[in-house]
């Protein structure tokens, strides 16, 4: 950082970037992806795996999709029936208002 009275050097520290808006945007994207995955899940009649979801969510790796699925399991929206397979819960169907909700 330059001295306040030094007019000969360039201050390379530009304006501070507002990271709050970037963080908020990233959170909005994550919530949108989570709802897309949840919508996909509640419309599946058979168990599915993360690779089935990968076509739905653009530019996201399979490991990231697995993290989203794990979050939905923790929230009670999905249940993990094998190490790699998931299925919807009645709670998810009620929340998304899909089909008969008495599973």
PDB file of N, CA and C in Angstrom:
ATOM      1  N   UNK A   1       0.847  -1.173   0.000  1.00  0.00           N
ATOM      2  CA  UNK A   1       0.000   0.000   0.000  1.00  0.00           C
ATOM      3  C   UNK A   1       0.893   1.237   0.000  1.00  0.00           C
ATOM      4  N   UNK A   2       0.511   2.231  -0.754  1.00  0.00           N
ATOM      5  CA  UNK A   2       1.352   3.418  -0.859  1.00  0.00           C
ATOM      6  C   UNK A   2       1.071   4.404   0.276  1.00  0.00           C
ATOM      7  N   UNK A   3       2.028   5.255   0.500  1.00  0.00           N
ATOM      8  CA  UNK A   3       1.899   6.305   1.511  1.00  0.00           C
ATOM      9  C   UNK A   3       0.896   7.340   1.007  1.00  0.00           C
ATOM     10  N   UNK A   4       0.042   7.905   1.870  1.00  0.00           N
ATOM     11  CA  UNK A   4      -0.977   8.868   1.431  1.00  0.00           C
ATOM     12  C   UNK A   4      -0.413  10.105   0.734  1.00  0.00           C
ATOM     13  N   UNK A   5       0.830  10.501   1.046  1.00  0.00           N
ATOM     14  CA  UNK A   5       1.416  11.689   0.425  1.00  0.00           C
ATOM     15  C   UNK A   5       2.273  11.355  -0.789  1.00  0.00           C
ATOM     16  N   UNK A   6       2.382  10.084  -1.145  1.00  0.00           N
ATOM     17  CA  UNK A   6       3.199   9.659  -2.276  1.00  0.00           C
ATOM     18  C   UNK A   6       2.342   9.695  -3.543  1.00  0.00           C
ATOM     19  N   UNK A   7       2.611  10.683  -4.414  1.00  0.00           N
ATOM     20  CA  UNK A   7       1.838  10.827  -5.645  1.00  0.00           C
ATOM     21  C   UNK A   7       2.528  10.210  -6.851  1.00  0.00           C
ATOM     22  N   UNK A   8       3.670   9.553  -6.652  1.00  0.00           N
ATOM     23  CA  UNK A   8       4.429   9.027  -7.774  1.00  0.00           C
ATOM     24  C   UNK A   8       4.217   7.533  -7.993  1.00  0.00           C
ATOM     25  N   UNK A   9       3.714   6.829  -7.028  1.00  0.00           N
ATOM     26  CA  UNK A   9       3.494   5.393  -7.216  1.00  0.00           C
ATOM     27  C   UNK A   9       2.013   5.132  -7.486  1.00  0.00           C
ATOM     28  N   UNK A  10       1.778   4.031  -8.086  1.00  0.00           N
ATOM     29  CA  UNK A  10       0.408   3.659  -8.440  1.00  0.00           C
ATOM     30  C   UNK A  10      -0.169   2.788  -7.332  1.00  0.00           C
ATOM     31  N   UNK A  11      -1.378   3.087  -6.961  1.00  0.00           N
ATOM     32  CA  UNK A  11      -2.070   2.267  -5.972  1.00  0.00           C
ATOM     33  C   UNK A  11      -2.729   1.103  -6.715  1.00  0.00           C
ATOM     34  N   UNK A  12      -2.155  -0.076  -6.576  1.00  0.00           N
ATOM     35  CA  UNK A  12      -2.652  -1.245  -7.289  1.00  0.00           C
ATOM     36  C   UNK A  12      -3.862  -1.874  -6.610  1.00  0.00           C
ATOM     37  N   UNK A  13      -4.195  -1.411  -5.447  1.00  0.00           N
ATOM     38  CA  UNK A  13      -5.370  -1.940  -4.763  1.00  0.00           C
ATOM     39  C   UNK A  13      -6.564  -1.139  -5.237  1.00  0.00           C
ATOM     40  N   UNK A  14      -7.337  -1.746  -6.105  1.00  0.00           N
ATOM     41  CA  UNK A  14      -8.499  -1.070  -6.673  1.00  0.00           C
ATOM     42  C   UNK A  14      -9.665  -1.066  -5.706  1.00  0.00           C
ATOM     43  N   UNK A  15     -10.804  -0.721  -6.212  1.00  0.00           N
ATOM     44  CA  UNK A  15     -11.987  -0.709  -5.353  1.00  0.00           C
ATOM     45  C   UNK A  15     -12.281  -2.121  -4.837  1.00  0.00           C
ATOM     46  N   UNK A  16     -12.809  -2.185  -3.655  1.00  0.00           N
ATOM     47  CA  UNK A  16     -13.108  -3.475  -3.045  1.00  0.00           C
ATOM     48  C   UNK A  16     -14.311  -4.090  -3.750  1.00  0.00           C
ATOM     49  N   UNK A  17     -14.188  -5.362  -4.098  1.00  0.00           N
ATOM     50  CA  UNK A  17     -15.276  -6.080  -4.761  1.00  0.00           C
ATOM     51  C   UNK A  17     -16.319  -6.445  -3.718  1.00  0.00           C
ATOM     52  N   UNK A  18     -17.559  -6.220  -4.037  1.00  0.00           N
ATOM     53  CA  UNK A  18     -18.653  -6.564  -3.135  1.00  0.00           C
ATOM     54  C   UNK A  18     -18.904  -8.067  -3.239  1.00  0.00           C
ATOM     55  N   UNK A  19     -18.281  -8.836  -2.355  1.00  0.00           N
ATOM     56  CA  UNK A  19     -18.428 -10.290  -2.411  1.00  0.00           C
ATOM     57  C   UNK A  19     -19.775 -10.745  -1.880  1.00  0.00           C
ATOM     58  N   UNK A  20     -20.471  -9.893  -1.161  1.00  0.00           N
ATOM     59  CA  UNK A  20     -21.786 -10.265  -0.650  1.00  0.00           C
ATOM     60  C   UNK A  20     -22.757 -10.601  -1.760  1.00  0.00           C
ATOM     61  N   UNK A  21     -22.725  -9.815  -2.835  1.00  0.00           N
ATOM     62  CA  UNK A  21     -23.646 -10.078  -3.937  1.00  0.00           C
ATOM     63  C   UNK A  21     -23.247 -11.344  -4.694  1.00  0.00           C
ATOM     64  N   UNK A  22     -21.958 -11.630  -4.767  1.00  0.00           N
ATOM     65  CA  UNK A  22     -21.496 -12.853  -5.423  1.00  0.00           C
ATOM     66  C   UNK A  22     -21.922 -14.068  -4.611  1.00  0.00           C
ATOM     67  N   UNK A  23     -21.773 -13.988  -3.300  1.00  0.00           N
ATOM     68  CA  UNK A  23     -22.182 -15.086  -2.426  1.00  0.00           C
ATOM     69  C   UNK A  23     -23.686 -15.311  -2.545  1.00  0.00           C
ATOM     70  N   UNK A  24     -24.450 -14.235  -2.543  1.00  0.00           N
ATOM     71  CA  UNK A  24     -25.908 -14.353  -2.666  1.00  0.00           C
ATOM     72  C   UNK A  24     -26.293 -14.993  -3.994  1.00  0.00           C
ATOM     73  N   UNK A  25     -25.610 -14.620  -5.068  1.00  0.00           N
ATOM     74  CA  UNK A  25     -25.888 -15.206  -6.375  1.00  0.00           C
ATOM     75  C   UNK A  25     -25.579 -16.695  -6.369  1.00  0.00           C
ATOM     76  N   UNK A  26     -24.445 -17.081  -5.792  1.00  0.00           N
ATOM     77  CA  UNK A  26     -24.086 -18.495  -5.711  1.00  0.00           C
ATOM     78  C   UNK A  26     -25.107 -19.280  -4.903  1.00  0.00           C
ATOM     79  N   UNK A  27     -25.613 -18.674  -3.833  1.00  0.00           N
ATOM     80  CA  UNK A  27     -26.631 -19.346  -3.026  1.00  0.00           C
ATOM     81  C   UNK A  27     -27.924 -19.520  -3.814  1.00  0.00           C
ATOM     82  N   UNK A  28     -28.299 -18.518  -4.587  1.00  0.00           N
ATOM     83  CA  UNK A  28     -29.499 -18.628  -5.423  1.00  0.00           C
ATOM     84  C   UNK A  28     -29.339 -19.742  -6.448  1.00  0.00           C
ATOM     85  N   UNK A  29     -28.168 -19.845  -7.040  1.00  0.00           N
ATOM     86  CA  UNK A  29     -27.907 -20.900  -8.016  1.00  0.00           C
ATOM     87  C   UNK A  29     -28.008 -22.266  -7.345  1.00  0.00           C
ATOM     88  N   UNK A  30     -27.425 -22.403  -6.154  1.00  0.00           N
ATOM     89  CA  UNK A  30     -27.460 -23.681  -5.434  1.00  0.00           C
ATOM     90  C   UNK A  30     -28.887 -24.075  -5.075  1.00  0.00           C
ATOM     91  N   UNK A  31     -29.686 -23.118  -4.631  1.00  0.00           N
ATOM     92  CA  UNK A  31     -31.082 -23.413  -4.285  1.00  0.00           C
ATOM     93  C   UNK A  31     -31.851 -23.830  -5.539  1.00  0.00           C
ATOM     94  N   UNK A  32     -31.618 -23.143  -6.637  1.00  0.00           N
ATOM     95  CA  UNK A  32     -32.275 -23.502  -7.896  1.00  0.00           C
ATOM     96  C   UNK A  32     -31.914 -24.901  -8.344  1.00  0.00           C
ATOM     97  N   UNK A  33     -30.646 -25.249  -8.254  1.00  0.00           N
ATOM     98  CA  UNK A  33     -30.215 -26.599  -8.627  1.00  0.00           C
ATOM     99  C   UNK A  33     -30.846 -27.642  -7.709  1.00  0.00           C
ATOM    100  N   UNK A  34     -30.908 -27.332  -6.422  1.00  0.00           N
ATOM    101  CA  UNK A  34     -31.493 -28.270  -5.465  1.00  0.00           C
ATOM    102  C   UNK A  34     -32.963 -28.512  -5.790  1.00  0.00           C
ATOM    103  N   UNK A  35     -33.702 -27.450  -6.111  1.00  0.00           N
ATOM    104  CA  UNK A  35     -35.110 -27.624  -6.476  1.00  0.00           C
ATOM    105  C   UNK A  35     -35.256 -28.386  -7.791  1.00  0.00           C
ATOM    106  N   UNK A  36     -34.368 -28.161  -8.748  1.00  0.00           N
ATOM    107  CA  UNK A  36     -34.408 -28.931  -9.996  1.00  0.00           C
ATOM    108  C   UNK A  36     -34.219 -30.413  -9.716  1.00  0.00           C
ATOM    109  N   UNK A  37     -33.263 -30.730  -8.860  1.00  0.00           N
ATOM    110  CA  UNK A  37     -33.006 -32.131  -8.517  1.00  0.00           C
ATOM    111  C   UNK A  37     -34.197 -32.711  -7.766  1.00  0.00           C
ATOM    112  N   UNK A  38     -34.759 -31.950  -6.839  1.00  0.00           N
ATOM    113  CA  UNK A  38     -35.919 -32.426  -6.087  1.00  0.00           C
ATOM    114  C   UNK A  38     -37.108 -32.652  -7.015  1.00  0.00           C
ATOM    115  N   UNK A  39     -37.324 -31.748  -7.950  1.00  0.00           N
ATOM    116  CA  UNK A  39     -38.419 -31.908  -8.917  1.00  0.00           C
ATOM    117  C   UNK A  39     -38.209 -33.171  -9.745  1.00  0.00           C
ATOM    118  N   UNK A  40     -36.978 -33.400 -10.181  1.00  0.00           N
ATOM    119  CA  UNK A  40     -36.650 -34.622 -10.916  1.00  0.00           C
ATOM    120  C   UNK A  40     -36.964 -35.840 -10.057  1.00  0.00           C
ATOM    121  N   UNK A  41     -36.545 -35.800  -8.796  1.00  0.00           N
ATOM    122  CA  UNK A  41     -36.688 -36.953  -7.902  1.00  0.00           C
ATOM    123  C   UNK A  41     -38.148 -37.310  -7.647  1.00  0.00           C
ATOM    124  N   UNK A  42     -38.978 -36.316  -7.398  1.00  0.00           N
ATOM    125  CA  UNK A  42     -40.373 -36.630  -7.069  1.00  0.00           C
ATOM    126  C   UNK A  42     -41.147 -37.148  -8.275  1.00  0.00           C
ATOM    127  N   UNK A  43     -40.652 -36.916  -9.460  1.00  0.00           N
ATOM    128  CA  UNK A  43     -41.316 -37.424 -10.660  1.00  0.00           C
ATOM    129  C   UNK A  43     -40.796 -38.784 -11.104  1.00  0.00           C
ATOM    130  N   UNK A  44     -39.833 -39.338 -10.380  1.00  0.00           N
ATOM    131  CA  UNK A  44     -39.303 -40.659 -10.701  1.00  0.00           C
ATOM    132  C   UNK A  44     -40.109 -41.726  -9.974  1.00  0.00           C
ATOM    133  N   UNK A  45     -40.491 -42.766 -10.688  1.00  0.00           N
ATOM    134  CA  UNK A  45     -41.235 -43.854 -10.060  1.00  0.00           C
ATOM    135  C   UNK A  45     -40.308 -44.964  -9.591  1.00  0.00           C
ATOM    136  N   UNK A  46     -39.099 -44.987 -10.108  1.00  0.00           N
ATOM    137  CA  UNK A  46     -38.110 -45.995  -9.719  1.00  0.00           C
ATOM    138  C   UNK A  46     -36.921 -45.299  -9.070  1.00  0.00           C
ATOM    139  N   UNK A  47     -36.149 -46.019  -8.264  1.00  0.00           N
ATOM    140  CA  UNK A  47     -34.930 -45.429  -7.687  1.00  0.00           C
ATOM    141  C   UNK A  47     -33.985 -44.945  -8.791  1.00  0.00           C
ATOM    142  N   UNK A  48     -33.230 -43.921  -8.485  1.00  0.00           N
ATOM    143  CA  UNK A  48     -32.319 -43.321  -9.459  1.00  0.00           C
ATOM    144  C   UNK A  48     -30.971 -43.078  -8.800  1.00  0.00           C
ATOM    145  N   UNK A  49     -29.972 -42.763  -9.614  1.00  0.00           N
ATOM    146  CA  UNK A  49     -28.640 -42.449  -9.090  1.00  0.00           C
ATOM    147  C   UNK A  49     -28.169 -41.111  -9.633  1.00  0.00           C
ATOM    148  N   UNK A  50     -27.052 -40.647  -9.116  1.00  0.00           N
ATOM    149  CA  UNK A  50     -26.573 -39.303  -9.464  1.00  0.00           C
ATOM    150  C   UNK A  50     -26.325 -39.144 -10.958  1.00  0.00           C
ATOM    151  N   UNK A  51     -25.893 -40.203 -11.627  1.00  0.00           N
ATOM    152  CA  UNK A  51     -25.646 -40.083 -13.069  1.00  0.00           C
ATOM    153  C   UNK A  51     -26.941 -39.836 -13.844  1.00  0.00           C
ATOM    154  N   UNK A  52     -28.083 -40.288 -13.309  1.00  0.00           N
ATOM    155  CA  UNK A  52     -29.368 -40.011 -13.956  1.00  0.00           C
ATOM    156  C   UNK A  52     -29.716 -38.526 -13.879  1.00  0.00           C
ATOM    157  N   UNK A  53     -29.237 -37.873 -12.839  1.00  0.00           N
ATOM    158  CA  UNK A  53     -29.541 -36.459 -12.610  1.00  0.00           C
ATOM    159  C   UNK A  53     -28.608 -35.555 -13.411  1.00  0.00           C
ATOM    160  N   UNK A  54     -27.449 -36.064 -13.797  1.00  0.00           N
ATOM    161  CA  UNK A  54     -26.421 -35.210 -14.405  1.00  0.00           C
ATOM    162  C   UNK A  54     -26.880 -34.532 -15.693  1.00  0.00           C
ATOM    163  N   UNK A  55     -27.800 -35.141 -16.427  1.00  0.00           N
ATOM    164  CA  UNK A  55     -28.313 -34.500 -17.647  1.00  0.00           C
ATOM    165  C   UNK A  55     -29.201 -33.307 -17.320  1.00  0.00           C
ATOM    166  N   UNK A  56     -29.790 -33.327 -16.137  1.00  0.00           N
ATOM    167  CA  UNK A  56     -30.712 -32.271 -15.724  1.00  0.00           C
ATOM    168  C   UNK A  56     -29.994 -30.985 -15.325  1.00  0.00           C
ATOM    169  N   UNK A  57     -28.866 -31.117 -14.645  1.00  0.00           N
ATOM    170  CA  UNK A  57     -28.157 -29.959 -14.096  1.00  0.00           C
ATOM    171  C   UNK A  57     -26.896 -29.722 -14.921  1.00  0.00           C
ATOM    172  N   UNK A  58     -26.864 -28.629 -15.656  1.00  0.00           N
ATOM    173  CA  UNK A  58     -25.728 -28.319 -16.527  1.00  0.00           C
ATOM    174  C   UNK A  58     -24.514 -27.871 -15.729  1.00  0.00           C
ATOM    175  N   UNK A  59     -23.355 -28.183 -16.253  1.00  0.00           N
ATOM    176  CA  UNK A  59     -22.072 -27.697 -15.735  1.00  0.00           C
ATOM    177  C   UNK A  59     -21.832 -28.032 -14.264  1.00  0.00           C
ATOM    178  N   UNK A  60     -22.323 -29.191 -13.830  1.00  0.00           N
ATOM    179  CA  UNK A  60     -22.110 -29.623 -12.451  1.00  0.00           C
ATOM    180  C   UNK A  60     -21.585 -31.048 -12.490  1.00  0.00           C
ATOM    181  N   UNK A  61     -20.536 -31.303 -11.719  1.00  0.00           N
ATOM    182  CA  UNK A  61     -19.941 -32.635 -11.702  1.00  0.00           C
ATOM    183  C   UNK A  61     -20.826 -33.614 -10.943  1.00  0.00           C
ATOM    184  N   UNK A  62     -20.570 -34.895 -11.159  1.00  0.00           N
ATOM    185  CA  UNK A  62     -21.336 -35.940 -10.468  1.00  0.00           C
ATOM    186  C   UNK A  62     -21.122 -35.857  -8.957  1.00  0.00           C
ATOM    187  N   UNK A  63     -19.926 -35.490  -8.522  1.00  0.00           N
ATOM    188  CA  UNK A  63     -19.681 -35.390  -7.077  1.00  0.00           C
ATOM    189  C   UNK A  63     -20.485 -34.244  -6.461  1.00  0.00           C
ATOM    190  N   UNK A  64     -20.663 -33.159  -7.202  1.00  0.00           N
ATOM    191  CA  UNK A  64     -21.482 -32.053  -6.713  1.00  0.00           C
ATOM    192  C   UNK A  64     -22.945 -32.473  -6.633  1.00  0.00           C
ATOM    193  N   UNK A  65     -23.409 -33.192  -7.633  1.00  0.00           N
ATOM    194  CA  UNK A  65     -24.784 -33.695  -7.608  1.00  0.00           C
ATOM    195  C   UNK A  65     -24.977 -34.622  -6.414  1.00  0.00           C
ATOM    196  N   UNK A  66     -23.981 -35.449  -6.128  1.00  0.00           N
ATOM    197  CA  UNK A  66     -24.057 -36.340  -4.971  1.00  0.00           C
ATOM    198  C   UNK A  66     -24.175 -35.536  -3.683  1.00  0.00           C
ATOM    199  N   UNK A  67     -23.477 -34.403  -3.592  1.00  0.00           N
ATOM    200  CA  UNK A  67     -23.607 -33.542  -2.408  1.00  0.00           C
ATOM    201  C   UNK A  67     -25.016 -32.970  -2.295  1.00  0.00           C
ATOM    202  N   UNK A  68     -25.582 -32.532  -3.424  1.00  0.00           N
ATOM    203  CA  UNK A  68     -26.965 -32.046  -3.409  1.00  0.00           C
ATOM    204  C   UNK A  68     -27.913 -33.159  -2.954  1.00  0.00           C
ATOM    205  N   UNK A  69     -27.715 -34.369  -3.480  1.00  0.00           N
ATOM    206  CA  UNK A  69     -28.566 -35.495  -3.091  1.00  0.00           C
ATOM    207  C   UNK A  69     -28.420 -35.798  -1.605  1.00  0.00           C
ATOM    208  N   UNK A  70     -27.201 -35.736  -1.089  1.00  0.00           N
ATOM    209  CA  UNK A  70     -26.973 -35.976   0.340  1.00  0.00           C
ATOM    210  C   UNK A  70     -27.689 -34.932   1.190  1.00  0.00           C
ATOM    211  N   UNK A  71     -27.685 -33.696   0.734  1.00  0.00           N
ATOM    212  CA  UNK A  71     -28.401 -32.640   1.449  1.00  0.00           C
ATOM    213  C   UNK A  71     -29.895 -32.935   1.478  1.00  0.00           C
ATOM    214  N   UNK A  72     -30.435 -33.378   0.352  1.00  0.00           N
ATOM    215  CA  UNK A  72     -31.859 -33.703   0.299  1.00  0.00           C
ATOM    216  C   UNK A  72     -32.190 -34.907   1.177  1.00  0.00           C
ATOM    217  N   UNK A  73     -31.254 -35.838   1.321  1.00  0.00           N
ATOM    218  CA  UNK A  73     -31.450 -36.969   2.239  1.00  0.00           C
ATOM    219  C   UNK A  73     -31.506 -36.452   3.670  1.00  0.00           C
ATOM    220  N   UNK A  74     -30.574 -35.560   4.030  1.00  0.00           N
ATOM    221  CA  UNK A  74     -30.553 -34.996   5.388  1.00  0.00           C
ATOM    222  C   UNK A  74     -31.827 -34.220   5.697  1.00  0.00           C
ATOM    223  N   UNK A  75     -32.413 -33.591   4.680  1.00  0.00           N
ATOM    224  CA  UNK A  75     -33.647 -32.824   4.862  1.00  0.00           C
ATOM    225  C   UNK A  75     -34.894 -33.709   4.870  1.00  0.00           C
ATOM    226  N   UNK A  76     -34.714 -35.000   4.586  1.00  0.00           N
ATOM    227  CA  UNK A  76     -35.841 -35.926   4.590  1.00  0.00           C
ATOM    228  C   UNK A  76     -36.633 -35.949   3.298  1.00  0.00           C
ATOM    229  N   UNK A  77     -36.098 -35.344   2.249  1.00  0.00           N
ATOM    230  CA  UNK A  77     -36.794 -35.304   0.964  1.00  0.00           C
ATOM    231  C   UNK A  77     -36.525 -36.548   0.121  1.00  0.00           C
ATOM    232  N   UNK A  78     -35.361 -37.137   0.326  1.00  0.00           N
ATOM    233  CA  UNK A  78     -34.977 -38.361  -0.375  1.00  0.00           C
ATOM    234  C   UNK A  78     -34.530 -39.381   0.652  1.00  0.00           C
ATOM    235  N   UNK A  79     -34.574 -40.642   0.247  1.00  0.00           N
ATOM    236  CA  UNK A  79     -33.955 -41.667   1.078  1.00  0.00           C
ATOM    237  C   UNK A  79     -32.972 -42.441   0.219  1.00  0.00           C
ATOM    238  N   UNK A  80     -31.883 -42.821   0.840  1.00  0.00           N
ATOM    239  CA  UNK A  80     -30.837 -43.570   0.157  1.00  0.00           C
ATOM    240  C   UNK A  80     -31.142 -45.044   0.376  1.00  0.00           C
ATOM    241  N   UNK A  81     -31.413 -45.774  -0.710  1.00  0.00           N
ATOM    242  CA  UNK A  81     -31.807 -47.170  -0.549  1.00  0.00           C
ATOM    243  C   UNK A  81     -30.667 -48.148  -0.814  1.00  0.00           C
ATOM    244  N   UNK A  82     -29.665 -47.730  -1.556  1.00  0.00           N
ATOM    245  CA  UNK A  82     -28.415 -48.482  -1.732  1.00  0.00           C
ATOM    246  C   UNK A  82     -27.296 -47.444  -1.694  1.00  0.00           C
ATOM    247  N   UNK A  83     -26.039 -47.874  -1.717  1.00  0.00           N
ATOM    248  CA  UNK A  83     -24.961 -46.870  -1.690  1.00  0.00           C
ATOM    249  C   UNK A  83     -25.022 -45.846  -2.829  1.00  0.00           C
ATOM    250  N   UNK A  84     -25.683 -46.194  -3.935  1.00  0.00           N
ATOM    251  CA  UNK A  84     -25.708 -45.269  -5.073  1.00  0.00           C
ATOM    252  C   UNK A  84     -27.107 -44.916  -5.555  1.00  0.00           C
ATOM    253  N   UNK A  85     -28.137 -45.458  -4.945  1.00  0.00           N
ATOM    254  CA  UNK A  85     -29.511 -45.232  -5.416  1.00  0.00           C
ATOM    255  C   UNK A  85     -30.327 -44.456  -4.389  1.00  0.00           C
ATOM    256  N   UNK A  86     -31.174 -43.582  -4.908  1.00  0.00           N
ATOM    257  CA  UNK A  86     -32.029 -42.732  -4.086  1.00  0.00           C
ATOM    258  C   UNK A  86     -33.469 -42.878  -4.555  1.00  0.00           C
ATOM    259  N   UNK A  87     -34.399 -42.559  -3.649  1.00  0.00           N
ATOM    260  CA  UNK A  87     -35.797 -42.473  -4.045  1.00  0.00           C
ATOM    261  C   UNK A  87     -36.482 -41.374  -3.249  1.00  0.00           C
ATOM    262  N   UNK A  88     -37.560 -40.894  -3.783  1.00  0.00           N
ATOM    263  CA  UNK A  88     -38.317 -39.808  -3.161  1.00  0.00           C
ATOM    264  C   UNK A  88     -38.995 -40.286  -1.876  1.00  0.00           C
ATOM    265  N   UNK A  89     -39.328 -39.341  -1.035  1.00  0.00           N
ATOM    266  CA  UNK A  89     -40.103 -39.651   0.167  1.00  0.00           C
ATOM    267  C   UNK A  89     -41.490 -39.026   0.026  1.00  0.00           C
ATOM    268  N   UNK A  90     -42.392 -39.442   0.896  1.00  0.00           N
ATOM    269  CA  UNK A  90     -43.740 -38.872   0.889  1.00  0.00           C
ATOM    270  C   UNK A  90     -43.684 -37.376   1.205  1.00  0.00           C
ATOM    271  N   UNK A  91     -42.749 -36.989   2.071  1.00  0.00           N
ATOM    272  CA  UNK A  91     -42.586 -35.570   2.404  1.00  0.00           C
ATOM    273  C   UNK A  91     -42.254 -34.748   1.161  1.00  0.00           C
ATOM    274  N   UNK A  92     -41.353 -35.264   0.329  1.00  0.00           N
ATOM    275  CA  UNK A  92     -40.975 -34.556  -0.898  1.00  0.00           C
ATOM    276  C   UNK A  92     -42.163 -34.443  -1.845  1.00  0.00           C
ATOM    277  N   UNK A  93     -42.932 -35.520  -1.951  1.00  0.00           N
ATOM    278  CA  UNK A  93     -44.103 -35.485  -2.832  1.00  0.00           C
ATOM    279  C   UNK A  93     -45.130 -34.471  -2.341  1.00  0.00           C
ATOM    280  N   UNK A  94     -45.337 -34.422  -1.015  1.00  0.00           N
ATOM    281  CA  UNK A  94     -46.275 -33.433  -0.463  1.00  0.00           C
ATOM    282  C   UNK A  94     -45.773 -32.016  -0.710  1.00  0.00           C
ATOM    283  N   UNK A  95     -44.480 -31.815  -0.474  1.00  0.00           N
ATOM    284  CA  UNK A  95     -43.912 -30.475  -0.633  1.00  0.00           C
ATOM    285  C   UNK A  95     -44.014 -29.988  -2.077  1.00  0.00           C
ATOM    286  N   UNK A  96     -43.775 -30.887  -3.018  1.00  0.00           N
ATOM    287  CA  UNK A  96     -43.798 -30.514  -4.432  1.00  0.00           C
ATOM    288  C   UNK A  96     -45.176 -30.727  -5.062  1.00  0.00           C
ATOM    289  N   UNK A  97     -46.149 -31.215  -4.253  1.00  0.00           N
ATOM    290  CA  UNK A  97     -47.525 -31.419  -4.707  1.00  0.00           C
ATOM    291  C   UNK A  97     -47.576 -32.297  -5.955  1.00  0.00           C
ATOM    292  N   UNK A  98     -46.970 -33.476  -5.845  1.00  0.00           N
ATOM    293  CA  UNK A  98     -46.884 -34.397  -6.972  1.00  0.00           C
ATOM    294  C   UNK A  98     -47.588 -35.703  -6.618  1.00  0.00           C
ATOM    295  N   UNK A  99     -48.489 -36.158  -7.475  1.00  0.00           N
ATOM    296  CA  UNK A  99     -49.130 -37.463  -7.331  1.00  0.00           C
ATOM    297  C   UNK A  99     -49.913 -37.618  -6.051  1.00  0.00           C
ATOM    298  N   UNK A 100     -50.228 -38.892  -5.732  1.00  0.00           N
ATOM    299  CA  UNK A 100     -50.893 -39.155  -4.457  1.00  0.00           C
ATOM    300  C   UNK A 100     -49.840 -39.157  -3.367  1.00  0.00           C
ATOM    301  N   UNK A 101     -50.114 -38.522  -2.270  1.00  0.00           N
ATOM    302  CA  UNK A 101     -49.114 -38.279  -1.231  1.00  0.00           C
ATOM    303  C   UNK A 101     -49.182 -39.273  -0.084  1.00  0.00           C
ATOM    304  N   UNK A 102     -49.812 -40.412  -0.287  1.00  0.00           N
ATOM    305  CA  UNK A 102     -49.971 -41.358   0.813  1.00  0.00           C
ATOM    306  C   UNK A 102     -49.004 -42.530   0.739  1.00  0.00           C
ATOM    307  N   UNK A 103     -47.842 -42.327   0.199  1.00  0.00           N
ATOM    308  CA  UNK A 103     -46.821 -43.381   0.114  1.00  0.00           C
ATOM    309  C   UNK A 103     -46.359 -43.784   1.477  1.00  0.00           C
TER     310      UNK A 103
END
